[in-house]
Protein backbone atom coordinates (compact mmCIF):
# COMPACT_ATOMS: atom_id res chain seq x y z
CA UNK A 1 1.21 28.41 -47.33
CA UNK A 2 0.84 24.73 -46.61
CA UNK A 3 -2.73 23.78 -45.71
CA UNK A 4 -3.07 21.67 -42.56
CA UNK A 5 -4.68 18.30 -43.07
CA UNK A 6 -5.69 15.89 -40.31
CA UNK A 7 -2.97 13.31 -39.69
CA UNK A 8 -4.64 10.99 -37.17
CA UNK A 9 -8.01 9.79 -38.48
CA UNK A 10 -11.10 9.48 -36.33
CA UNK A 11 -10.84 5.67 -36.26
CA UNK A 12 -7.21 5.99 -35.07
CA UNK A 13 -8.18 8.30 -32.23
CA UNK A 14 -11.23 6.22 -31.30
CA UNK A 15 -9.23 3.00 -31.08
CA UNK A 16 -6.64 4.63 -28.84
CA UNK A 17 -9.28 6.13 -26.57
CA UNK A 18 -11.13 2.82 -26.27
CA UNK A 19 -7.87 1.01 -25.50
CA UNK A 20 -7.13 3.55 -22.76
CA UNK A 21 -10.60 3.04 -21.29
CA UNK A 22 -10.16 -0.75 -21.32
CA UNK A 23 -6.78 -0.61 -19.58
CA UNK A 24 -7.93 1.84 -16.92
CA UNK A 25 -11.16 -0.09 -16.38
CA UNK A 26 -9.52 -3.47 -15.77
CA UNK A 27 -6.83 -2.09 -13.44
CA UNK A 28 -9.45 0.00 -11.65
CA UNK A 29 -11.78 -2.97 -11.14
CA UNK A 30 -9.00 -4.85 -9.34
CA UNK A 31 -8.41 -1.86 -7.04
CA UNK A 32 -12.17 -1.46 -6.52
CA UNK A 33 -12.55 -5.11 -5.51
CA UNK A 34 -9.65 -4.68 -3.08
CA UNK A 35 -11.56 -1.75 -1.54
CA UNK A 36 -8.93 0.90 -2.28
CA UNK A 37 -9.66 4.65 -2.57
CA UNK A 38 -8.80 4.95 -6.28
CA UNK A 39 -11.06 2.64 -8.26
CA UNK A 40 -12.51 2.30 -11.75
CA UNK A 41 -13.37 5.93 -12.45
CA UNK A 42 -10.04 7.25 -11.24
CA UNK A 43 -7.95 4.78 -13.25
CA UNK A 44 -10.04 5.27 -16.41
CA UNK A 45 -9.74 9.06 -16.15
CA UNK A 46 -5.99 8.87 -15.53
CA UNK A 47 -5.48 6.59 -18.52
CA UNK A 48 -7.74 8.72 -20.75
CA UNK A 49 -6.00 11.94 -19.79
CA UNK A 50 -2.59 10.45 -20.43
CA UNK A 51 -3.75 9.02 -23.75
CA UNK A 52 -5.07 12.43 -24.82
CA UNK A 53 -1.77 14.06 -23.92
CA UNK A 54 0.19 11.59 -26.03
CA UNK A 55 -2.33 11.81 -28.91
CA UNK A 56 -1.73 15.55 -28.94
CA UNK A 57 2.02 14.93 -28.87
CA UNK A 58 1.72 12.45 -31.75
CA UNK A 59 -0.37 14.91 -33.76
CA UNK A 60 2.18 17.65 -33.14
CA UNK A 61 5.05 15.36 -34.05
CA UNK A 62 3.50 14.25 -37.31
CA UNK A 63 2.57 17.81 -38.22
CA UNK A 64 6.28 18.60 -38.52
CA UNK A 65 6.14 16.99 -41.96
CA UNK A 66 3.57 19.61 -42.98
CA UNK A 67 5.57 22.44 -41.43
CA UNK A 68 9.27 21.71 -42.03
CA UNK A 69 10.40 24.79 -40.11
CA UNK A 70 8.48 23.94 -36.94
CA UNK A 71 10.23 22.69 -33.81
CA UNK A 72 8.37 20.57 -31.28
CA UNK A 73 9.69 19.06 -28.03
CA UNK A 74 7.42 16.03 -27.63
CA UNK A 75 9.09 14.84 -24.43
CA UNK A 76 7.70 17.78 -22.44
CA UNK A 77 4.12 16.56 -22.67
CA UNK A 78 4.97 13.04 -21.50
CA UNK A 79 7.23 14.27 -18.70
CA UNK A 80 4.49 16.65 -17.55
CA UNK A 81 2.03 13.78 -17.28
CA UNK A 82 4.44 11.54 -15.37
CA UNK A 83 5.48 14.25 -12.91
CA UNK A 84 1.88 15.42 -12.47
CA UNK A 85 0.85 11.92 -11.46
CA UNK A 86 2.90 12.41 -8.31
CA UNK A 87 0.20 14.69 -6.88
CA UNK A 88 -2.59 12.19 -7.55
CA UNK A 89 -0.49 9.32 -6.24
CA UNK A 90 0.31 11.22 -3.06
CA UNK A 91 -3.42 11.67 -2.48
CA UNK A 92 -3.92 7.90 -2.56
CA UNK A 93 -1.36 7.28 0.20
CA UNK A 94 -2.71 7.52 3.73
CA UNK A 95 -0.81 7.36 7.00
CA UNK A 96 -2.37 6.92 10.41
CA UNK A 97 -1.85 9.64 13.01
CA UNK A 98 0.35 7.43 15.15
CA UNK A 99 2.46 6.42 12.16
CA UNK A 100 1.90 2.69 12.56
CA UNK A 101 -0.13 2.22 9.36
CA UNK A 102 0.62 3.31 5.79
CA UNK A 103 -1.81 2.36 3.03
CA UNK A 104 -2.34 3.22 -0.62
CA UNK A 105 1.22 2.82 -1.88
CA UNK A 106 0.25 0.06 -4.33
CA UNK A 107 -2.71 2.11 -5.55
CA UNK A 108 -0.43 5.10 -6.14
CA UNK A 109 1.91 2.85 -8.13
CA UNK A 110 -0.94 1.47 -10.26
CA UNK A 111 -2.11 5.02 -11.00
CA UNK A 112 1.38 5.97 -12.16
CA UNK A 113 1.68 2.80 -14.27
CA UNK A 114 -1.79 3.39 -15.74
CA UNK A 115 -0.76 6.90 -16.77
CA UNK A 116 2.32 5.51 -18.51
CA UNK A 117 0.20 2.91 -20.32
CA UNK A 118 -2.15 5.68 -21.40
CA UNK A 119 0.80 7.56 -22.88
CA UNK A 120 1.86 4.44 -24.79
CA UNK A 121 -1.65 3.82 -26.12
CA UNK A 122 -2.04 7.44 -27.18
CA UNK A 123 1.20 7.24 -29.16
CA UNK A 124 0.00 4.06 -30.85
CA UNK A 125 2.38 1.66 -29.10
CA UNK A 126 -0.32 -0.95 -28.52
CA UNK A 127 1.97 -3.95 -28.18
CA UNK A 128 4.11 -2.22 -25.61
CA UNK A 129 1.05 -1.08 -23.65
CA UNK A 130 -0.52 -4.55 -23.79
CA UNK A 131 2.61 -6.27 -22.48
CA UNK A 132 2.94 -3.78 -19.62
CA UNK A 133 -0.79 -4.12 -18.89
CA UNK A 134 -0.41 -7.89 -18.50
CA UNK A 135 2.60 -7.35 -16.24
CA UNK A 136 0.80 -4.81 -14.05
CA UNK A 137 -2.38 -6.87 -13.82
CA UNK A 138 -0.38 -10.00 -13.02
CA UNK A 139 1.52 -8.14 -10.32
CA UNK A 140 -1.58 -6.81 -8.59
CA UNK A 141 -3.63 -10.02 -8.84
CA UNK A 142 -1.30 -13.02 -9.01
CA UNK A 143 1.43 -11.74 -6.71
CA UNK A 144 -1.19 -10.77 -4.14
CA UNK A 145 -2.20 -14.41 -3.70
CA UNK A 146 1.45 -15.48 -3.67
CA UNK A 147 2.21 -12.87 -1.03
CA UNK A 148 -0.68 -14.01 1.15
CA UNK A 149 0.36 -17.63 0.88
CA UNK A 150 4.13 -17.48 1.32
CA UNK A 151 4.68 -14.33 3.38
CA UNK A 152 1.84 -14.65 5.88
CA UNK A 153 4.18 -16.38 8.37
CA UNK A 154 6.51 -13.38 8.40
CA UNK A 155 3.60 -11.23 9.64
CA UNK A 156 2.65 -13.72 12.34
CA UNK A 157 4.25 -13.01 15.70
CA UNK A 158 3.98 -14.23 19.27
CA UNK A 159 3.72 -11.74 22.09
CA UNK A 160 4.21 -12.56 25.76
CA UNK A 161 3.04 -9.89 28.16
CA UNK A 162 3.44 -9.60 31.91
CA UNK A 163 0.40 -7.75 33.23
CA UNK A 164 -1.68 -6.96 36.30
CA UNK A 165 -5.43 -6.38 36.61
CA UNK A 166 -6.40 -8.83 33.87
CA UNK A 167 -10.08 -7.82 33.96
CA UNK A 168 -9.17 -4.35 32.71
CA UNK A 169 -6.00 -4.97 30.72
CA UNK A 170 -7.12 -7.86 28.51
CA UNK A 171 -10.22 -6.01 27.17
CA UNK A 172 -7.98 -2.97 26.53
CA UNK A 173 -5.60 -5.14 24.52
CA UNK A 174 -8.50 -6.65 22.57
CA UNK A 175 -9.77 -3.18 21.68
CA UNK A 176 -6.27 -2.12 20.65
CA UNK A 177 -5.83 -5.12 18.34
CA UNK A 178 -9.23 -4.44 16.79
CA UNK A 179 -8.36 -0.78 16.08
CA UNK A 180 -5.10 -1.79 14.42
CA UNK A 181 -6.84 -4.54 12.39
CA UNK A 182 -4.60 -7.14 14.05
CA UNK A 183 -5.96 -10.68 14.02
CA UNK A 184 -5.58 -12.65 17.25
CA UNK A 185 -4.91 -16.26 16.21
CA UNK A 186 -4.59 -17.66 19.72
CA UNK A 187 -4.56 -16.50 23.33
CA UNK A 188 -3.30 -18.08 26.55
CA UNK A 189 -3.57 -16.75 30.08
CA UNK A 190 -0.98 -18.08 32.53
CA UNK A 191 -0.15 -17.28 36.12
CA UNK A 192 3.46 -16.28 36.65
CA UNK A 193 4.10 -17.90 40.02
CA UNK A 194 4.15 -15.78 43.15
CA UNK A 195 5.31 -12.58 41.51
CA UNK A 196 3.80 -9.31 42.73
CA UNK A 197 4.42 -5.68 41.93
CA UNK A 198 5.16 -2.96 44.48
CA UNK A 199 1.42 -2.42 45.05
CA UNK A 200 0.95 -6.08 45.96
CA UNK A 201 -0.86 -6.98 42.72
CA UNK A 202 -0.21 -10.40 41.23
CA UNK A 203 1.67 -10.34 37.92
CA UNK A 204 0.23 -12.68 35.28
CA UNK A 205 1.44 -13.71 31.85
CA UNK A 206 -0.55 -13.54 28.59
CA UNK A 207 0.57 -15.15 25.37
CA UNK A 208 -0.85 -13.88 22.08
CA UNK A 209 -0.33 -15.27 18.59
CA UNK A 210 -1.20 -12.39 16.27
CA UNK A 211 -1.22 -11.70 12.55
CA UNK A 212 -0.11 -8.15 11.76
CA UNK A 213 -1.30 -6.37 8.59
CA UNK A 214 1.40 -5.48 6.11
CA UNK A 215 0.79 -1.77 6.60
CA UNK A 216 1.39 -1.96 10.36
CA UNK A 217 4.84 -1.38 11.84
CA UNK A 218 5.28 -4.21 14.33
CA UNK A 219 7.99 -2.47 16.35
CA UNK A 220 5.63 0.45 17.00
CA UNK A 221 2.95 -1.99 18.10
CA UNK A 222 5.28 -3.52 20.69
CA UNK A 223 6.30 -0.12 22.01
CA UNK A 224 2.70 1.08 22.29
CA UNK A 225 1.65 -2.07 24.17
CA UNK A 226 4.56 -1.57 26.55
CA UNK A 227 3.09 1.83 27.46
CA UNK A 228 -0.18 0.31 28.68
CA UNK A 229 -0.70 1.15 32.36
CA UNK A 230 -0.83 -2.46 33.58
CA UNK A 231 1.73 -3.95 31.16
CA UNK A 232 5.16 -4.42 32.74
CA UNK A 233 7.19 -6.40 30.20
CA UNK A 234 6.78 -7.50 26.58
CA UNK A 235 8.51 -10.38 24.82
CA UNK A 236 8.16 -10.88 21.08
CA UNK A 237 9.39 -13.46 18.60
CA UNK A 238 8.46 -15.38 15.47
CA UNK A 239 6.23 -18.44 15.90
CA UNK A 240 8.09 -21.73 16.09
CA UNK A 241 11.04 -20.39 18.08
CA UNK A 242 11.76 -21.54 21.56
CA UNK A 243 11.19 -19.18 24.44
CA UNK A 244 14.93 -18.91 24.97
CA UNK A 245 15.20 -17.37 21.51
CA UNK A 246 12.80 -14.53 22.31
CA UNK A 247 13.89 -11.01 21.60
CA UNK A 248 15.23 -9.05 24.58
CA UNK A 249 12.61 -7.97 27.10
CA UNK A 250 10.97 -4.64 26.32
CA UNK A 251 10.20 -2.88 29.55
CA UNK A 252 7.96 0.11 30.17
CA UNK A 253 10.87 2.09 31.63
CA UNK A 254 12.88 1.64 28.41
CA UNK A 255 10.06 3.02 26.27
CA UNK A 256 9.41 5.94 28.60
CA UNK A 257 13.12 6.82 28.57
CA UNK A 258 13.18 6.83 24.75
CA UNK A 259 10.17 9.15 24.62
CA UNK A 260 11.69 11.76 26.90
């Protein structure tokens, strides 16, 4: 009978574990700074668990040389880790009750990538893990600043609302924007001539320049504003366009008909 001897030495295992901790720690710090639900501890634990799984797989694979008749399917351990990460990733994704905000998708992706890097480190593929680590870290840090700089305009919109009872409606709109984390960049209040509704109330026009968070569905925002009691019509467009290029008027009756 062939006596089993340790294949991976303690220094080998220690180096792989420390590398997994370092990768999970750095990625987790970035998520922690960004105030996301999965931070340092979560990413370190994910990377450590994945590294342990691949260390076990490596140990089993190398032990074949000691037991020539043994058969080991190493891919099952790695595939189990990757598929299992779906449950943790799903827990990091949050959706608001009204469906207008979805957050945590990037965090779920970093958890999945961290698990894969842990697998690579555990198998001893340090160069591969290091290159992917740089790519992931660069994506979450560098591309974030690029996104804020070059794509901010795409999330900036102009809304023109026709309303009555400004003393009630404008504070309601301000509260709504605050709940949705929408930044009001500018506001104008304009009279709309001698236009009155059927109750004899004067119709006024408000113009908002707003910055919508990436997680917010702008079309849902427009539809919800159109359902406000004293909002009659909503125009929306990108900043810089002329008023004649506005999107078609969104009326309360249209939204109510769609909801029936």
